[in-house]
Amino acid sequence: MKADHRSAAGTHPAQDSSASSRIGMWLFLASEILLFGGLFLLYSVYRFRHPAEFHAASLQLNRIAGTANTVVLLTSSLAVALSLFHLREKADARGASHFLAAAIALGAVFLVVKGFEWAEKFRTGLFPSSPALLAQSRGEVLYVGLYFAMTGLHALHLIVGIGVLAVMLALLARTGVTPVRGATPGVRGVTPPSRVAQLENAGLYWHLVDIIWIFLFPLFYLIS
C-alpha cells in the first residue's frame, strides 16, 4: 500500500534519494562558504589597516603563474560541466569520463604550478615565521601569513576535489545505460538517475573550489 501511494503521487525512491543528496551537498557547501567567508572578512580587516604593506607584499607574487592557474581552473570547471552534459543529456558515460579525466589533469596542473610558487617563497625565505619575513613590516607579515593559510586551505580542498572526481571516474567506468527505442541520434539511452546526481554533487563541489579561487586571485595577486 505504501509503495502504491508513492507511485500514485508520482514520486520514486531514486528521485527522493537524489533530492536528499542534493540538499545535503548544498548544506555542506554553505558550511564551506562560511569558513572561507570568515577568512575573507579577516583579510579585509587587515588589508584596511595595512593597505600599503599589503600592496607591497603582493608585488612579490608571480602574477603570470596566478593568471595561468585561474585559466586552468576555469577550464577544469568547463570540463566538469561538459562531463555532466554528456552523462545527463546523452547518456554517454565514456564521453563524460574523458571530460572528467581532463578536469582531474587540470586540477593536478594547478597544484604543480602552486607548488612551484610556494617553493620559490621558501627559497627566498618569505614564509610564515621565517627570519626574512619577520624583518619586514607587520602588514607584510600578515599578508604572507594569510596568503599561505588561504591558498593552502584552498589547495587542500582542491586535492579533496580531485579525489572526489577520481571516485566519480571509477564509478562512471561501471555505469550502465538503458537503451531507449527511437532515441534521438547521439543519445545512447538513459543513465541511472543516481549516477547523474552523484556527478552533479561532485561538480558542485568542484565549482565551489573554482569560485573560491576566483576571489583569492584578485585579493592576493591584483591588489592596487
N, C-alpha and C. Protein backbone atom coordinates (compact mmCIF):
# COMPACT_ATOMS: atom_id res chain seq x y z
N MET A 1 0.84 -1.20 0.00
CA MET A 1 0.00 0.00 0.00
C MET A 1 0.87 1.24 0.00
N LYS A 2 1.92 1.24 0.77
CA LYS A 2 2.79 2.41 0.85
C LYS A 2 3.49 2.65 -0.48
N ALA A 3 3.94 1.56 -1.11
CA ALA A 3 4.61 1.70 -2.40
C ALA A 3 3.64 2.22 -3.44
N ASP A 4 2.35 1.70 -3.41
CA ASP A 4 1.35 2.17 -4.36
C ASP A 4 1.08 3.64 -4.17
N HIS A 5 1.05 4.10 -2.94
CA HIS A 5 0.78 5.51 -2.65
C HIS A 5 1.89 6.38 -3.22
N ARG A 6 3.11 5.94 -3.08
CA ARG A 6 4.24 6.70 -3.61
C ARG A 6 4.16 6.75 -5.13
N SER A 7 3.79 5.64 -5.75
CA SER A 7 3.69 5.60 -7.20
C SER A 7 2.60 6.52 -7.69
N ALA A 8 1.46 6.52 -6.99
CA ALA A 8 0.35 7.37 -7.38
C ALA A 8 0.70 8.83 -7.23
N ALA A 9 1.51 9.14 -6.28
CA ALA A 9 1.87 10.54 -6.06
C ALA A 9 2.93 11.01 -7.04
N GLY A 10 3.46 10.10 -7.86
CA GLY A 10 4.44 10.48 -8.87
C GLY A 10 5.85 10.59 -8.35
N THR A 11 6.15 9.98 -7.23
CA THR A 11 7.50 10.04 -6.68
C THR A 11 8.18 8.70 -6.89
N HIS A 12 9.45 8.69 -6.70
CA HIS A 12 10.24 7.48 -6.91
C HIS A 12 11.36 7.49 -5.89
N PRO A 13 11.69 6.34 -5.30
CA PRO A 13 12.75 6.30 -4.30
C PRO A 13 14.06 6.88 -4.80
N ALA A 14 14.41 6.62 -6.08
CA ALA A 14 15.66 7.15 -6.62
C ALA A 14 15.63 8.68 -6.67
N GLN A 15 14.45 9.23 -7.02
CA GLN A 15 14.30 10.68 -7.08
C GLN A 15 14.43 11.28 -5.69
N ASP A 16 13.80 10.63 -4.70
CA ASP A 16 13.89 11.12 -3.32
C ASP A 16 15.33 11.10 -2.84
N SER A 17 16.05 10.03 -3.18
CA SER A 17 17.44 9.92 -2.77
C SER A 17 18.29 11.00 -3.42
N SER A 18 18.05 11.27 -4.71
CA SER A 18 18.81 12.30 -5.41
C SER A 18 18.54 13.67 -4.82
N ALA A 19 17.28 13.94 -4.50
CA ALA A 19 16.93 15.23 -3.92
C ALA A 19 17.56 15.41 -2.55
N SER A 20 17.56 14.35 -1.76
CA SER A 20 18.16 14.42 -0.42
C SER A 20 19.66 14.65 -0.49
N SER A 21 20.31 13.95 -1.42
CA SER A 21 21.76 14.12 -1.55
C SER A 21 22.09 15.52 -2.03
N ARG A 22 21.24 16.09 -2.90
CA ARG A 22 21.48 17.44 -3.40
C ARG A 22 21.33 18.46 -2.27
N ILE A 23 20.31 18.27 -1.43
CA ILE A 23 20.12 19.18 -0.30
C ILE A 23 21.30 19.08 0.67
N GLY A 24 21.73 17.84 0.92
CA GLY A 24 22.89 17.64 1.80
C GLY A 24 24.13 18.31 1.25
N MET A 25 24.33 18.23 -0.06
CA MET A 25 25.51 18.86 -0.67
C MET A 25 25.44 20.37 -0.54
N TRP A 26 24.27 20.95 -0.75
CA TRP A 26 24.13 22.41 -0.63
C TRP A 26 24.39 22.87 0.80
N LEU A 27 23.96 22.08 1.78
CA LEU A 27 24.23 22.42 3.18
C LEU A 27 25.73 22.36 3.46
N PHE A 28 26.39 21.35 2.92
CA PHE A 28 27.84 21.23 3.08
C PHE A 28 28.55 22.41 2.42
N LEU A 29 28.11 22.78 1.23
CA LEU A 29 28.73 23.91 0.54
C LEU A 29 28.52 25.21 1.31
N ALA A 30 27.35 25.33 1.96
CA ALA A 30 27.09 26.52 2.77
C ALA A 30 28.07 26.63 3.93
N SER A 31 28.40 25.49 4.53
CA SER A 31 29.38 25.50 5.62
C SER A 31 30.77 25.88 5.12
N GLU A 32 31.11 25.46 3.90
CA GLU A 32 32.39 25.82 3.31
C GLU A 32 32.44 27.32 2.99
N ILE A 33 31.33 27.85 2.54
CA ILE A 33 31.26 29.29 2.25
C ILE A 33 31.44 30.10 3.52
N LEU A 34 30.85 29.62 4.62
CA LEU A 34 31.02 30.30 5.90
C LEU A 34 32.48 30.28 6.34
N LEU A 35 33.15 29.15 6.13
CA LEU A 35 34.56 29.02 6.51
C LEU A 35 35.42 30.03 5.75
N PHE A 36 35.31 30.02 4.44
CA PHE A 36 36.12 30.94 3.65
C PHE A 36 35.63 32.38 3.80
N GLY A 37 34.32 32.54 4.05
CA GLY A 37 33.80 33.89 4.27
C GLY A 37 34.45 34.54 5.48
N GLY A 38 34.66 33.76 6.54
CA GLY A 38 35.34 34.28 7.72
C GLY A 38 36.77 34.69 7.41
N LEU A 39 37.45 33.90 6.60
CA LEU A 39 38.83 34.24 6.22
C LEU A 39 38.86 35.48 5.33
N PHE A 40 37.90 35.61 4.43
CA PHE A 40 37.84 36.80 3.59
C PHE A 40 37.58 38.05 4.43
N LEU A 41 36.75 37.90 5.45
CA LEU A 41 36.47 39.02 6.34
C LEU A 41 37.74 39.42 7.10
N LEU A 42 38.47 38.43 7.61
CA LEU A 42 39.71 38.70 8.31
C LEU A 42 40.71 39.39 7.39
N TYR A 43 40.80 38.91 6.16
CA TYR A 43 41.69 39.53 5.18
C TYR A 43 41.30 41.00 4.96
N SER A 44 40.00 41.25 4.83
CA SER A 44 39.53 42.62 4.57
C SER A 44 39.90 43.56 5.70
N VAL A 45 39.78 43.09 6.92
CA VAL A 45 40.11 43.93 8.09
C VAL A 45 41.59 44.29 8.08
N TYR A 46 42.44 43.29 7.88
CA TYR A 46 43.88 43.56 7.88
C TYR A 46 44.31 44.40 6.68
N ARG A 47 43.67 44.18 5.55
CA ARG A 47 44.02 44.99 4.38
C ARG A 47 43.62 46.45 4.59
N PHE A 48 42.48 46.68 5.26
CA PHE A 48 42.04 48.05 5.55
C PHE A 48 43.04 48.74 6.48
N ARG A 49 43.62 47.97 7.39
CA ARG A 49 44.57 48.55 8.34
C ARG A 49 45.97 48.74 7.75
N HIS A 50 46.33 47.90 6.78
CA HIS A 50 47.69 47.95 6.22
C HIS A 50 47.63 47.94 4.69
N PRO A 51 47.00 48.93 4.07
CA PRO A 51 46.85 48.90 2.61
C PRO A 51 48.18 48.96 1.86
N ALA A 52 49.08 49.84 2.28
CA ALA A 52 50.36 50.00 1.58
C ALA A 52 51.22 48.74 1.69
N GLU A 53 51.25 48.16 2.90
CA GLU A 53 52.06 46.96 3.11
C GLU A 53 51.50 45.77 2.32
N PHE A 54 50.18 45.66 2.27
CA PHE A 54 49.58 44.57 1.50
C PHE A 54 49.90 44.72 0.02
N HIS A 55 49.87 45.96 -0.47
CA HIS A 55 50.19 46.18 -1.88
C HIS A 55 51.64 45.83 -2.16
N ALA A 56 52.53 46.25 -1.28
CA ALA A 56 53.96 45.97 -1.47
C ALA A 56 54.23 44.47 -1.44
N ALA A 57 53.57 43.76 -0.53
CA ALA A 57 53.78 42.32 -0.43
C ALA A 57 53.21 41.59 -1.65
N SER A 58 52.12 42.09 -2.21
CA SER A 58 51.51 41.43 -3.37
C SER A 58 52.42 41.47 -4.59
N LEU A 59 53.30 42.49 -4.67
CA LEU A 59 54.20 42.61 -5.80
C LEU A 59 55.23 41.49 -5.83
N GLN A 60 55.37 40.77 -4.72
CA GLN A 60 56.33 39.67 -4.65
C GLN A 60 55.76 38.35 -5.18
N LEU A 61 54.45 38.36 -5.51
CA LEU A 61 53.83 37.15 -6.07
C LEU A 61 54.01 37.13 -7.59
N ASN A 62 53.94 35.94 -8.15
CA ASN A 62 54.07 35.74 -9.59
C ASN A 62 52.68 35.85 -10.23
N ARG A 63 52.38 37.00 -10.80
CA ARG A 63 51.05 37.21 -11.38
C ARG A 63 50.81 36.35 -12.61
N ILE A 64 51.87 36.05 -13.34
CA ILE A 64 51.71 35.20 -14.52
C ILE A 64 51.25 33.80 -14.09
N ALA A 65 51.89 33.28 -13.05
CA ALA A 65 51.51 31.97 -12.54
C ALA A 65 50.08 31.99 -12.00
N GLY A 66 49.73 33.06 -11.29
CA GLY A 66 48.38 33.17 -10.76
C GLY A 66 47.33 33.25 -11.85
N THR A 67 47.64 34.01 -12.91
CA THR A 67 46.71 34.13 -14.03
C THR A 67 46.57 32.80 -14.76
N ALA A 68 47.71 32.12 -14.96
CA ALA A 68 47.67 30.82 -15.62
C ALA A 68 46.83 29.82 -14.84
N ASN A 69 46.98 29.83 -13.52
CA ASN A 69 46.21 28.91 -12.69
C ASN A 69 44.72 29.24 -12.73
N THR A 70 44.40 30.52 -12.86
CA THR A 70 42.99 30.92 -12.98
C THR A 70 42.38 30.35 -14.25
N VAL A 71 43.12 30.46 -15.35
CA VAL A 71 42.64 29.90 -16.62
C VAL A 71 42.51 28.38 -16.52
N VAL A 72 43.46 27.75 -15.85
CA VAL A 72 43.43 26.29 -15.69
C VAL A 72 42.18 25.85 -14.93
N LEU A 73 41.86 26.54 -13.83
CA LEU A 73 40.69 26.14 -13.04
C LEU A 73 39.38 26.43 -13.77
N LEU A 74 39.31 27.55 -14.47
CA LEU A 74 38.10 27.85 -15.24
C LEU A 74 37.88 26.80 -16.32
N THR A 75 38.96 26.37 -16.96
CA THR A 75 38.84 25.33 -17.97
C THR A 75 38.41 24.01 -17.35
N SER A 76 38.90 23.73 -16.15
CA SER A 76 38.51 22.49 -15.47
C SER A 76 37.02 22.50 -15.13
N SER A 77 36.50 23.66 -14.75
CA SER A 77 35.07 23.76 -14.46
C SER A 77 34.25 23.49 -15.71
N LEU A 78 34.74 24.01 -16.85
CA LEU A 78 34.06 23.75 -18.12
C LEU A 78 34.08 22.26 -18.42
N ALA A 79 35.20 21.60 -18.16
CA ALA A 79 35.30 20.16 -18.41
C ALA A 79 34.31 19.38 -17.56
N VAL A 80 34.16 19.76 -16.30
CA VAL A 80 33.20 19.08 -15.42
C VAL A 80 31.78 19.30 -15.91
N ALA A 81 31.47 20.52 -16.35
CA ALA A 81 30.13 20.81 -16.88
C ALA A 81 29.85 19.99 -18.13
N LEU A 82 30.84 19.86 -19.00
CA LEU A 82 30.67 19.05 -20.20
C LEU A 82 30.53 17.57 -19.87
N SER A 83 31.22 17.14 -18.83
CA SER A 83 31.08 15.75 -18.39
C SER A 83 29.65 15.47 -17.94
N LEU A 84 29.10 16.38 -17.16
CA LEU A 84 27.72 16.21 -16.70
C LEU A 84 26.75 16.25 -17.88
N PHE A 85 27.02 17.13 -18.83
CA PHE A 85 26.15 17.22 -20.01
C PHE A 85 26.13 15.90 -20.77
N HIS A 86 27.29 15.32 -20.98
CA HIS A 86 27.37 14.06 -21.72
C HIS A 86 26.67 12.93 -20.97
N LEU A 87 26.77 12.93 -19.65
CA LEU A 87 26.15 11.86 -18.88
C LEU A 87 24.64 12.04 -18.80
N ARG A 88 24.20 13.26 -18.55
CA ARG A 88 22.77 13.50 -18.32
C ARG A 88 21.97 13.60 -19.61
N GLU A 89 22.52 14.28 -20.62
CA GLU A 89 21.76 14.54 -21.83
C GLU A 89 21.98 13.48 -22.91
N LYS A 90 23.18 12.89 -22.95
CA LYS A 90 23.49 11.93 -24.00
C LYS A 90 23.66 10.51 -23.49
N ALA A 91 23.63 10.34 -22.17
CA ALA A 91 23.86 9.01 -21.58
C ALA A 91 25.16 8.42 -22.11
N ASP A 92 26.16 9.27 -22.27
CA ASP A 92 27.45 8.87 -22.81
C ASP A 92 28.47 8.84 -21.67
N ALA A 93 28.55 7.70 -21.00
CA ALA A 93 29.45 7.58 -19.85
C ALA A 93 30.91 7.70 -20.28
N ARG A 94 31.23 7.20 -21.48
CA ARG A 94 32.61 7.28 -21.96
C ARG A 94 33.02 8.73 -22.21
N GLY A 95 32.17 9.47 -22.89
CA GLY A 95 32.46 10.88 -23.13
C GLY A 95 32.56 11.66 -21.82
N ALA A 96 31.67 11.36 -20.88
CA ALA A 96 31.70 12.02 -19.58
C ALA A 96 33.01 11.71 -18.86
N SER A 97 33.48 10.48 -18.99
CA SER A 97 34.74 10.08 -18.35
C SER A 97 35.92 10.85 -18.92
N HIS A 98 35.91 11.07 -20.22
CA HIS A 98 37.01 11.80 -20.85
C HIS A 98 37.11 13.22 -20.31
N PHE A 99 35.98 13.90 -20.22
CA PHE A 99 35.99 15.27 -19.72
C PHE A 99 36.34 15.30 -18.23
N LEU A 100 35.89 14.28 -17.50
CA LEU A 100 36.20 14.22 -16.07
C LEU A 100 37.70 14.00 -15.87
N ALA A 101 38.30 13.15 -16.70
CA ALA A 101 39.74 12.93 -16.63
C ALA A 101 40.50 14.21 -16.95
N ALA A 102 39.98 14.99 -17.90
CA ALA A 102 40.62 16.26 -18.25
C ALA A 102 40.57 17.23 -17.06
N ALA A 103 39.43 17.25 -16.36
CA ALA A 103 39.30 18.13 -15.19
C ALA A 103 40.29 17.73 -14.10
N ILE A 104 40.45 16.43 -13.89
CA ILE A 104 41.40 15.95 -12.89
C ILE A 104 42.82 16.35 -13.27
N ALA A 105 43.16 16.20 -14.54
CA ALA A 105 44.50 16.57 -15.01
C ALA A 105 44.75 18.06 -14.82
N LEU A 106 43.75 18.88 -15.11
CA LEU A 106 43.89 20.33 -14.95
C LEU A 106 44.04 20.69 -13.47
N GLY A 107 43.32 20.00 -12.62
CA GLY A 107 43.48 20.23 -11.18
C GLY A 107 44.89 19.92 -10.72
N ALA A 108 45.46 18.84 -11.27
CA ALA A 108 46.83 18.48 -10.93
C ALA A 108 47.81 19.54 -11.43
N VAL A 109 47.55 20.09 -12.61
CA VAL A 109 48.39 21.16 -13.15
C VAL A 109 48.38 22.36 -12.22
N PHE A 110 47.19 22.71 -11.72
CA PHE A 110 47.08 23.82 -10.78
C PHE A 110 47.96 23.60 -9.57
N LEU A 111 47.91 22.41 -9.00
CA LEU A 111 48.69 22.11 -7.81
C LEU A 111 50.19 22.16 -8.09
N VAL A 112 50.60 21.72 -9.27
CA VAL A 112 52.02 21.77 -9.63
C VAL A 112 52.49 23.21 -9.71
N VAL A 113 51.71 24.06 -10.38
CA VAL A 113 52.08 25.47 -10.50
C VAL A 113 52.12 26.13 -9.13
N LYS A 114 51.13 25.84 -8.31
CA LYS A 114 51.11 26.40 -6.95
C LYS A 114 52.29 25.88 -6.14
N GLY A 115 52.67 24.63 -6.35
CA GLY A 115 53.82 24.08 -5.66
C GLY A 115 55.10 24.82 -6.01
N PHE A 116 55.26 25.17 -7.30
CA PHE A 116 56.43 25.95 -7.71
C PHE A 116 56.42 27.33 -7.08
N GLU A 117 55.23 27.92 -6.97
CA GLU A 117 55.12 29.24 -6.33
C GLU A 117 55.54 29.17 -4.87
N TRP A 118 55.02 28.18 -4.18
CA TRP A 118 55.38 28.02 -2.77
C TRP A 118 56.86 27.74 -2.61
N ALA A 119 57.41 26.90 -3.48
CA ALA A 119 58.83 26.57 -3.40
C ALA A 119 59.69 27.81 -3.57
N GLU A 120 59.27 28.71 -4.45
CA GLU A 120 60.01 29.95 -4.66
C GLU A 120 59.97 30.81 -3.40
N LYS A 121 58.82 30.84 -2.74
CA LYS A 121 58.70 31.61 -1.49
C LYS A 121 59.62 31.04 -0.41
N PHE A 122 59.67 29.74 -0.30
CA PHE A 122 60.56 29.14 0.70
C PHE A 122 62.02 29.37 0.33
N ARG A 123 62.33 29.36 -0.96
CA ARG A 123 63.70 29.58 -1.39
C ARG A 123 64.18 30.97 -1.03
N THR A 124 63.29 31.95 -1.14
CA THR A 124 63.65 33.34 -0.81
C THR A 124 63.45 33.66 0.67
N GLY A 125 62.95 32.68 1.43
CA GLY A 125 62.78 32.89 2.87
C GLY A 125 61.52 33.62 3.26
N LEU A 126 60.58 33.79 2.32
CA LEU A 126 59.34 34.50 2.64
C LEU A 126 58.23 33.50 2.91
N PHE A 127 58.27 32.95 4.11
CA PHE A 127 57.22 32.04 4.56
C PHE A 127 56.96 32.33 6.03
N PRO A 128 55.80 31.92 6.55
CA PRO A 128 55.45 32.26 7.94
C PRO A 128 56.54 31.91 8.95
N SER A 129 56.83 32.87 9.82
CA SER A 129 57.79 32.74 10.92
C SER A 129 59.26 32.68 10.47
N SER A 130 59.51 32.93 9.20
CA SER A 130 60.91 32.94 8.74
C SER A 130 61.58 34.24 9.17
N PRO A 131 62.88 34.23 9.43
CA PRO A 131 63.59 35.45 9.82
C PRO A 131 63.47 36.56 8.79
N ALA A 132 63.54 36.21 7.51
CA ALA A 132 63.45 37.23 6.45
C ALA A 132 62.09 37.90 6.47
N LEU A 133 61.05 37.14 6.74
CA LEU A 133 59.71 37.73 6.77
C LEU A 133 59.50 38.56 8.02
N LEU A 134 59.95 38.07 9.16
CA LEU A 134 59.77 38.79 10.42
C LEU A 134 60.52 40.11 10.43
N ALA A 135 61.50 40.26 9.55
CA ALA A 135 62.25 41.52 9.47
C ALA A 135 61.47 42.58 8.71
N GLN A 136 60.37 42.19 8.05
CA GLN A 136 59.57 43.14 7.30
C GLN A 136 58.49 43.74 8.18
N SER A 137 57.67 44.62 7.59
CA SER A 137 56.63 45.30 8.36
C SER A 137 55.54 44.33 8.79
N ARG A 138 54.75 44.76 9.78
CA ARG A 138 53.68 43.90 10.31
C ARG A 138 52.67 43.58 9.22
N GLY A 139 52.35 44.56 8.39
CA GLY A 139 51.37 44.33 7.32
C GLY A 139 51.83 43.27 6.34
N GLU A 140 53.10 43.28 5.99
CA GLU A 140 53.64 42.28 5.07
C GLU A 140 53.66 40.90 5.71
N VAL A 141 53.96 40.85 7.00
CA VAL A 141 53.92 39.57 7.72
C VAL A 141 52.50 38.99 7.71
N LEU A 142 51.51 39.85 7.96
CA LEU A 142 50.12 39.40 7.95
C LEU A 142 49.71 38.94 6.56
N TYR A 143 50.15 39.67 5.55
CA TYR A 143 49.80 39.32 4.17
C TYR A 143 50.33 37.93 3.82
N VAL A 144 51.59 37.69 4.09
CA VAL A 144 52.19 36.40 3.75
C VAL A 144 51.53 35.27 4.55
N GLY A 145 51.23 35.53 5.82
CA GLY A 145 50.56 34.52 6.62
C GLY A 145 49.20 34.17 6.06
N LEU A 146 48.44 35.19 5.67
CA LEU A 146 47.12 34.94 5.08
C LEU A 146 47.24 34.25 3.73
N TYR A 147 48.25 34.64 2.98
CA TYR A 147 48.45 34.01 1.66
C TYR A 147 48.67 32.51 1.80
N PHE A 148 49.57 32.11 2.70
CA PHE A 148 49.84 30.69 2.87
C PHE A 148 48.64 29.96 3.47
N ALA A 149 47.97 30.61 4.43
CA ALA A 149 46.83 29.95 5.08
C ALA A 149 45.67 29.74 4.11
N MET A 150 45.32 30.78 3.36
CA MET A 150 44.14 30.71 2.50
C MET A 150 44.40 29.92 1.22
N THR A 151 45.55 30.12 0.59
CA THR A 151 45.84 29.33 -0.61
C THR A 151 46.14 27.88 -0.23
N GLY A 152 46.71 27.67 0.96
CA GLY A 152 46.94 26.30 1.41
C GLY A 152 45.65 25.57 1.68
N LEU A 153 44.69 26.25 2.32
CA LEU A 153 43.38 25.64 2.58
C LEU A 153 42.67 25.37 1.27
N HIS A 154 42.80 26.30 0.34
CA HIS A 154 42.18 26.10 -0.98
C HIS A 154 42.81 24.89 -1.68
N ALA A 155 44.14 24.78 -1.61
CA ALA A 155 44.82 23.65 -2.25
C ALA A 155 44.36 22.33 -1.62
N LEU A 156 44.14 22.33 -0.32
CA LEU A 156 43.66 21.13 0.36
C LEU A 156 42.27 20.74 -0.17
N HIS A 157 41.41 21.74 -0.34
CA HIS A 157 40.08 21.47 -0.89
C HIS A 157 40.18 20.97 -2.33
N LEU A 158 41.14 21.50 -3.06
CA LEU A 158 41.32 21.06 -4.44
C LEU A 158 41.77 19.59 -4.49
N ILE A 159 42.65 19.21 -3.58
CA ILE A 159 43.09 17.82 -3.51
C ILE A 159 41.90 16.90 -3.21
N VAL A 160 41.05 17.33 -2.27
CA VAL A 160 39.85 16.55 -1.96
C VAL A 160 38.96 16.47 -3.20
N GLY A 161 38.84 17.60 -3.92
CA GLY A 161 38.02 17.62 -5.13
C GLY A 161 38.55 16.67 -6.18
N ILE A 162 39.86 16.61 -6.34
CA ILE A 162 40.44 15.67 -7.30
C ILE A 162 40.11 14.24 -6.89
N GLY A 163 40.17 13.97 -5.59
CA GLY A 163 39.81 12.64 -5.10
C GLY A 163 38.36 12.30 -5.40
N VAL A 164 37.47 13.28 -5.21
CA VAL A 164 36.05 13.06 -5.48
C VAL A 164 35.83 12.79 -6.97
N LEU A 165 36.48 13.58 -7.82
CA LEU A 165 36.33 13.36 -9.27
C LEU A 165 36.92 12.01 -9.68
N ALA A 166 38.00 11.60 -9.03
CA ALA A 166 38.60 10.30 -9.34
C ALA A 166 37.64 9.16 -8.97
N VAL A 167 36.96 9.30 -7.85
CA VAL A 167 35.96 8.30 -7.46
C VAL A 167 34.84 8.26 -8.49
N MET A 168 34.40 9.45 -8.93
CA MET A 168 33.35 9.51 -9.95
C MET A 168 33.82 8.87 -11.25
N LEU A 169 35.08 9.06 -11.58
CA LEU A 169 35.63 8.45 -12.80
C LEU A 169 35.56 6.93 -12.71
N ALA A 170 35.87 6.39 -11.54
CA ALA A 170 35.78 4.95 -11.34
C ALA A 170 34.34 4.47 -11.42
N LEU A 171 33.42 5.25 -10.87
CA LEU A 171 32.01 4.87 -10.91
C LEU A 171 31.47 4.92 -12.34
N LEU A 172 31.92 5.90 -13.11
CA LEU A 172 31.44 6.01 -14.49
C LEU A 172 31.88 4.81 -15.31
N ALA A 173 33.02 4.25 -14.95
CA ALA A 173 33.51 3.06 -15.67
C ALA A 173 32.55 1.89 -15.49
N ARG A 174 31.74 1.93 -14.43
CA ARG A 174 30.80 0.83 -14.16
C ARG A 174 29.37 1.22 -14.48
N THR A 175 29.18 2.41 -15.05
CA THR A 175 27.83 2.91 -15.31
C THR A 175 27.22 2.22 -16.52
N GLY A 176 26.05 1.65 -16.32
CA GLY A 176 25.32 1.05 -17.43
C GLY A 176 24.30 2.03 -17.98
N VAL A 177 23.94 1.84 -19.23
CA VAL A 177 22.98 2.71 -19.90
C VAL A 177 21.80 1.87 -20.37
N THR A 178 20.58 2.32 -20.07
CA THR A 178 19.38 1.62 -20.50
C THR A 178 19.00 2.08 -21.91
N PRO A 179 19.06 1.21 -22.90
CA PRO A 179 18.73 1.63 -24.28
C PRO A 179 17.28 2.10 -24.37
N VAL A 180 17.05 3.09 -25.24
CA VAL A 180 15.71 3.61 -25.47
C VAL A 180 15.41 3.51 -26.96
N ARG A 181 14.33 2.83 -27.31
CA ARG A 181 13.98 2.66 -28.71
C ARG A 181 13.54 4.00 -29.31
N GLY A 182 14.07 4.32 -30.46
CA GLY A 182 13.69 5.56 -31.13
C GLY A 182 14.30 6.79 -30.50
N ALA A 183 15.41 6.65 -29.76
CA ALA A 183 16.03 7.80 -29.10
C ALA A 183 16.64 8.74 -30.13
N THR A 184 16.81 9.99 -29.73
CA THR A 184 17.42 10.99 -30.59
C THR A 184 18.83 10.57 -30.96
N PRO A 185 19.24 10.78 -32.23
CA PRO A 185 20.61 10.42 -32.62
C PRO A 185 21.64 11.08 -31.71
N GLY A 186 22.62 10.31 -31.28
CA GLY A 186 23.64 10.83 -30.37
C GLY A 186 23.32 10.54 -28.92
N VAL A 187 22.07 10.16 -28.63
CA VAL A 187 21.66 9.81 -27.28
C VAL A 187 21.64 8.29 -27.17
N ARG A 188 22.44 7.73 -26.28
CA ARG A 188 22.61 6.29 -26.22
C ARG A 188 21.55 5.58 -25.38
N GLY A 189 20.84 6.33 -24.57
CA GLY A 189 19.82 5.72 -23.73
C GLY A 189 19.58 6.56 -22.50
N VAL A 190 19.32 5.90 -21.38
CA VAL A 190 19.03 6.59 -20.13
C VAL A 190 20.08 6.21 -19.09
N THR A 191 20.71 7.20 -18.48
CA THR A 191 21.69 6.97 -17.43
C THR A 191 20.97 6.84 -16.09
N PRO A 192 21.40 5.95 -15.22
CA PRO A 192 20.78 5.85 -13.89
C PRO A 192 20.76 7.20 -13.19
N PRO A 193 19.59 7.65 -12.69
CA PRO A 193 19.49 8.95 -12.03
C PRO A 193 20.47 9.12 -10.87
N SER A 194 20.74 8.02 -10.15
CA SER A 194 21.65 8.13 -9.01
C SER A 194 23.05 8.52 -9.46
N ARG A 195 23.48 8.01 -10.62
CA ARG A 195 24.82 8.34 -11.11
C ARG A 195 24.89 9.81 -11.53
N VAL A 196 23.83 10.29 -12.16
CA VAL A 196 23.78 11.70 -12.56
C VAL A 196 23.82 12.60 -11.33
N ALA A 197 23.05 12.22 -10.30
CA ALA A 197 23.04 13.01 -9.07
C ALA A 197 24.41 13.04 -8.41
N GLN A 198 25.11 11.92 -8.43
CA GLN A 198 26.45 11.87 -7.85
C GLN A 198 27.41 12.80 -8.59
N LEU A 199 27.33 12.81 -9.92
CA LEU A 199 28.20 13.68 -10.69
C LEU A 199 27.81 15.14 -10.49
N GLU A 200 26.53 15.42 -10.35
CA GLU A 200 26.08 16.78 -10.08
C GLU A 200 26.67 17.29 -8.77
N ASN A 201 26.62 16.46 -7.74
CA ASN A 201 27.17 16.87 -6.44
C ASN A 201 28.68 17.06 -6.50
N ALA A 202 29.36 16.15 -7.19
CA ALA A 202 30.81 16.29 -7.35
C ALA A 202 31.13 17.57 -8.11
N GLY A 203 30.32 17.86 -9.13
CA GLY A 203 30.52 19.08 -9.91
C GLY A 203 30.28 20.33 -9.08
N LEU A 204 29.28 20.31 -8.22
CA LEU A 204 29.02 21.46 -7.35
C LEU A 204 30.22 21.76 -6.46
N TYR A 205 30.79 20.71 -5.89
CA TYR A 205 31.96 20.90 -5.03
C TYR A 205 33.13 21.48 -5.83
N TRP A 206 33.34 20.94 -7.02
CA TRP A 206 34.45 21.41 -7.84
C TRP A 206 34.26 22.87 -8.24
N HIS A 207 33.03 23.24 -8.60
CA HIS A 207 32.76 24.62 -8.98
C HIS A 207 32.97 25.56 -7.79
N LEU A 208 32.62 25.10 -6.58
CA LEU A 208 32.85 25.93 -5.40
C LEU A 208 34.34 26.18 -5.21
N VAL A 209 35.15 25.16 -5.36
CA VAL A 209 36.60 25.33 -5.24
C VAL A 209 37.11 26.34 -6.26
N ASP A 210 36.57 26.28 -7.47
CA ASP A 210 36.98 27.23 -8.50
C ASP A 210 36.54 28.65 -8.16
N ILE A 211 35.32 28.79 -7.65
CA ILE A 211 34.81 30.12 -7.30
C ILE A 211 35.64 30.74 -6.18
N ILE A 212 36.03 29.92 -5.22
CA ILE A 212 36.87 30.43 -4.14
C ILE A 212 38.17 31.00 -4.69
N TRP A 213 38.76 30.29 -5.66
CA TRP A 213 39.99 30.80 -6.27
C TRP A 213 39.75 32.11 -7.02
N ILE A 214 38.59 32.24 -7.64
CA ILE A 214 38.26 33.48 -8.36
C ILE A 214 38.29 34.67 -7.41
N PHE A 215 37.98 34.45 -6.13
CA PHE A 215 38.09 35.52 -5.13
C PHE A 215 39.52 35.65 -4.63
N LEU A 216 40.21 34.54 -4.44
CA LEU A 216 41.58 34.60 -3.93
C LEU A 216 42.53 35.28 -4.91
N PHE A 217 42.35 35.03 -6.18
CA PHE A 217 43.27 35.56 -7.19
C PHE A 217 43.37 37.09 -7.16
N PRO A 218 42.26 37.83 -7.25
CA PRO A 218 42.40 39.29 -7.20
C PRO A 218 42.82 39.81 -5.83
N LEU A 219 42.39 39.13 -4.76
CA LEU A 219 42.73 39.61 -3.43
C LEU A 219 44.23 39.57 -3.18
N PHE A 220 44.90 38.55 -3.69
CA PHE A 220 46.33 38.40 -3.40
C PHE A 220 47.23 38.87 -4.55
N TYR A 221 46.77 38.72 -5.77
CA TYR A 221 47.64 39.00 -6.90
C TYR A 221 47.41 40.37 -7.55
N LEU A 222 46.23 40.93 -7.39
CA LEU A 222 45.88 42.14 -8.12
C LEU A 222 45.60 43.33 -7.19
N ILE A 223 46.20 43.34 -6.01
CA ILE A 223 45.98 44.44 -5.08
C ILE A 223 46.57 45.73 -5.65
N SER A 224 45.79 46.81 -5.57
CA SER A 224 46.28 48.10 -6.06
C SER A 224 46.17 49.13 -4.97
